[in-house]
Amino acid sequence: MLRALLLVLALLPVAAPAQTPEAAAESPILTVVPDRLFDESKAGKAAQTRLDDATRALMVENRRMEAELEAEERDLTAKRDTMPPADFRKLADAFDAKAERTRTEQDAKSRRLVRQREEDRQAFFKAALPVLAQLMQDEGALAILDRGSVFVSFDLIDVTSQAIERLDTALGDGADLFKEQPAP
């Protein structure tokens, strides 16, 4: 009997306070979606485009180098039967060292691109702080929280779209925020 009563109570709609457009302005807490701030702002999009271009260039370079190494390996394999084993071993060892060095260098370039993305995000959010502080002040709020860390909230306190508009105005494409992408 108690279980049935609890089930009925659980299924009853919960009354929520009415929300008006003024409710967001009166709220001491606002929320944003940080990933949207970066991904949808002009500056974040520009940073991502530069990173995508650098990543594509690195992939092209990797394919070219791979083709060159494969051709060199085929050439080396063809020489195997025409050379004394000791001479072939020297060439094979040199080729192995070159292939390993190439792989290490290309991996380092890839890691630099990953670091660059993180540095771009940090630079973006550092530059975004004054803009978000002004938004918070304009809305009369005491804090802006990451919407992902809020258990329950009304959509009216989410100011992500407003923040993106203000960031686009203040930062533009972020050309002076981000370091130039390293060439592959």
Protein backbone atom coordinates (compact mmCIF):
# COMPACT_ATOMS: atom_id res chain seq x y z
CA MET A 1 0.00 0.00 0.00
CA LEU A 2 2.82 2.41 0.92
CA ARG A 3 4.65 1.52 -2.30
CA ALA A 4 1.55 2.34 -4.35
CA LEU A 5 1.18 5.71 -2.60
CA LEU A 6 4.86 6.54 -3.23
CA LEU A 7 4.48 5.59 -6.88
CA VAL A 8 1.43 7.86 -7.26
CA LEU A 9 3.28 10.72 -5.56
CA ALA A 10 6.29 10.20 -7.81
CA LEU A 11 4.13 10.45 -10.90
CA LEU A 12 2.43 13.71 -9.87
CA PRO A 13 3.78 16.75 -11.72
CA VAL A 14 6.01 18.98 -9.68
CA ALA A 15 4.95 22.59 -9.63
CA ALA A 16 7.72 24.86 -10.84
CA PRO A 17 7.77 28.58 -10.25
CA ALA A 18 6.62 30.58 -13.21
CA GLN A 19 9.49 31.94 -15.28
CA THR A 20 9.36 35.30 -16.90
CA PRO A 21 12.02 36.99 -19.05
CA GLU A 22 12.83 39.17 -16.05
CA ALA A 23 13.70 36.07 -14.01
CA ALA A 24 17.09 35.72 -15.69
CA ALA A 25 17.95 39.35 -14.97
CA GLU A 26 16.96 38.88 -11.35
CA SER A 27 18.85 35.65 -10.92
CA PRO A 28 22.06 35.86 -8.92
CA ILE A 29 23.32 32.83 -10.86
CA LEU A 30 23.72 32.53 -14.63
CA THR A 31 24.98 29.58 -16.64
CA VAL A 32 26.95 29.11 -19.85
CA VAL A 33 28.10 26.14 -21.89
CA PRO A 34 31.86 26.73 -22.21
CA ASP A 35 32.30 24.44 -25.21
CA ARG A 36 29.65 26.40 -27.09
CA LEU A 37 31.40 29.66 -26.23
CA PHE A 38 34.53 28.44 -27.95
CA ASP A 39 32.99 26.34 -30.73
CA GLU A 40 30.36 28.86 -31.83
CA SER A 41 32.21 32.15 -31.40
CA LYS A 42 34.07 33.74 -34.30
CA ALA A 43 37.37 33.51 -32.42
CA GLY A 44 36.88 29.84 -31.52
CA LYS A 45 35.85 28.96 -35.06
CA ALA A 46 38.91 30.76 -36.46
CA ALA A 47 41.20 28.91 -34.05
CA GLN A 48 39.59 25.60 -34.98
CA THR A 49 39.90 26.34 -38.70
CA ARG A 50 43.62 27.10 -38.31
CA LEU A 51 44.07 23.89 -36.33
CA ASP A 52 42.12 21.88 -38.93
CA ASP A 53 44.26 23.36 -41.73
CA ALA A 54 47.47 22.54 -39.86
CA THR A 55 46.20 19.01 -39.14
CA ARG A 56 45.36 18.44 -42.81
CA ALA A 57 48.79 19.76 -43.85
CA LEU A 58 50.44 17.39 -41.38
CA MET A 59 48.40 14.47 -42.72
CA VAL A 60 49.46 15.31 -46.29
CA GLU A 61 53.07 15.55 -45.18
CA ASN A 62 52.76 12.22 -43.34
CA ARG A 63 51.37 10.48 -46.44
CA ARG A 64 54.14 11.96 -48.61
CA MET A 65 56.85 10.87 -46.19
CA GLU A 66 55.28 7.44 -45.84
CA ALA A 67 55.29 7.02 -49.64
CA GLU A 68 58.93 8.11 -49.80
CA LEU A 69 59.92 5.66 -47.07
CA GLU A 70 58.02 2.83 -48.76
CA ALA A 71 59.77 3.56 -52.07
CA GLU A 72 63.13 3.65 -50.30
CA GLU A 73 62.33 0.37 -48.54
CA ARG A 74 61.40 -1.30 -51.86
CA ASP A 75 64.65 -0.03 -53.38
CA LEU A 76 66.59 -1.35 -50.39
CA THR A 77 64.86 -4.73 -50.60
CA ALA A 78 65.73 -4.98 -54.30
CA LYS A 79 69.40 -4.39 -53.44
CA ARG A 80 69.48 -7.17 -50.85
CA ASP A 81 70.44 -9.93 -53.25
CA THR A 82 73.05 -7.82 -55.06
CA MET A 83 75.06 -6.73 -52.01
CA PRO A 84 77.24 -8.38 -49.42
CA PRO A 85 75.21 -8.93 -46.21
CA ALA A 86 77.39 -6.56 -44.14
CA ASP A 87 76.91 -3.72 -46.62
CA PHE A 88 73.19 -4.39 -46.81
CA ARG A 89 72.95 -4.41 -42.99
CA LYS A 90 74.53 -0.94 -42.86
CA LEU A 91 72.00 0.40 -45.37
CA ALA A 92 69.11 -1.35 -43.58
CA ASP A 93 70.18 0.05 -40.19
CA ALA A 94 70.47 3.54 -41.66
CA PHE A 95 67.00 3.18 -43.19
CA ASP A 96 65.53 1.96 -39.88
CA ALA A 97 67.09 4.92 -38.05
CA LYS A 98 65.71 7.34 -40.67
CA ALA A 99 62.22 5.80 -40.45
CA GLU A 100 62.25 5.98 -36.64
CA ARG A 101 63.51 9.59 -36.68
CA THR A 102 60.78 10.54 -39.16
CA ARG A 103 58.10 8.86 -37.03
CA THR A 104 59.37 10.63 -33.89
CA GLU A 105 59.44 14.03 -35.62
CA GLN A 106 55.93 13.60 -37.02
CA ASP A 107 54.58 12.46 -33.65
CA ALA A 108 56.12 15.56 -32.07
CA LYS A 109 54.36 17.75 -34.65
CA SER A 110 51.06 16.06 -33.87
CA ARG A 111 51.54 16.60 -30.14
CA ARG A 112 52.34 20.29 -30.81
CA LEU A 113 49.01 20.65 -32.60
CA VAL A 114 47.18 19.13 -29.62
CA ARG A 115 49.04 21.51 -27.28
CA GLN A 116 48.23 24.41 -29.59
CA ARG A 117 44.51 23.66 -29.36
CA GLU A 118 44.69 23.70 -25.58
CA GLU A 119 46.72 26.92 -25.58
CA ASP A 120 44.17 28.51 -27.94
CA ARG A 121 41.33 27.52 -25.63
CA GLN A 122 43.17 28.94 -22.62
CA ALA A 123 43.89 32.20 -24.46
CA PHE A 124 40.26 32.41 -25.55
CA PHE A 125 38.85 31.91 -22.05
CA LYS A 126 41.37 34.33 -20.55
CA ALA A 127 40.24 36.97 -23.06
CA ALA A 128 36.59 36.01 -22.44
CA LEU A 129 36.75 36.68 -18.69
CA PRO A 130 36.26 40.48 -18.86
CA VAL A 131 33.45 40.06 -21.38
CA LEU A 132 31.70 37.49 -19.18
CA ALA A 133 32.27 39.65 -16.08
CA GLN A 134 30.59 42.57 -17.84
CA LEU A 135 27.68 40.34 -18.87
CA MET A 136 27.35 39.13 -15.29
CA GLN A 137 27.36 42.73 -14.05
CA ASP A 138 24.83 43.83 -16.68
CA GLU A 139 22.51 41.01 -15.66
CA GLY A 140 22.92 41.74 -11.95
CA ALA A 141 24.27 38.26 -11.29
CA LEU A 142 26.82 37.20 -8.71
CA ALA A 143 28.18 34.22 -10.62
CA ILE A 144 28.25 32.45 -13.97
CA LEU A 145 28.49 28.69 -13.68
CA ASP A 146 29.27 25.97 -16.20
CA ARG A 147 25.85 24.65 -17.14
CA GLY A 148 27.23 21.11 -17.18
CA SER A 149 28.00 21.29 -13.47
CA VAL A 150 24.54 22.53 -12.51
CA PHE A 151 22.18 19.79 -11.40
CA VAL A 152 18.92 21.55 -12.34
CA SER A 153 18.31 25.01 -13.77
CA PHE A 154 15.89 26.96 -15.88
CA ASP A 155 16.88 27.75 -19.46
CA LEU A 156 16.28 31.43 -18.71
CA ILE A 157 19.48 31.68 -16.71
CA ASP A 158 21.59 30.25 -19.57
CA VAL A 159 23.30 33.22 -21.21
CA THR A 160 25.53 31.28 -23.61
CA SER A 161 24.04 32.82 -26.75
CA GLN A 162 24.31 36.33 -25.31
CA ALA A 163 27.89 35.65 -24.28
CA ILE A 164 28.79 34.42 -27.77
CA GLU A 165 27.36 37.62 -29.30
CA ARG A 166 29.37 39.76 -26.90
CA LEU A 167 32.53 37.70 -27.46
CA ASP A 168 32.15 38.06 -31.22
CA THR A 169 31.90 41.82 -30.80
CA ALA A 170 34.79 42.08 -28.35
CA LEU A 171 37.19 39.48 -29.78
CA GLY A 172 36.24 39.26 -33.44
CA ASP A 173 38.07 36.34 -35.04
CA GLY A 174 40.65 36.35 -32.26
CA ALA A 175 43.52 37.00 -34.68
CA ASP A 176 45.55 38.72 -31.97
CA LEU A 177 44.73 36.11 -29.31
CA PHE A 178 46.22 32.99 -30.80
CA LYS A 179 49.75 32.04 -31.70
CA GLU A 180 50.33 31.18 -35.33
CA GLN A 181 50.02 27.47 -36.03
CA PRO A 182 53.37 25.77 -36.48
CA ALA A 183 54.13 24.74 -40.04
CA PRO A 184 54.34 20.98 -40.53
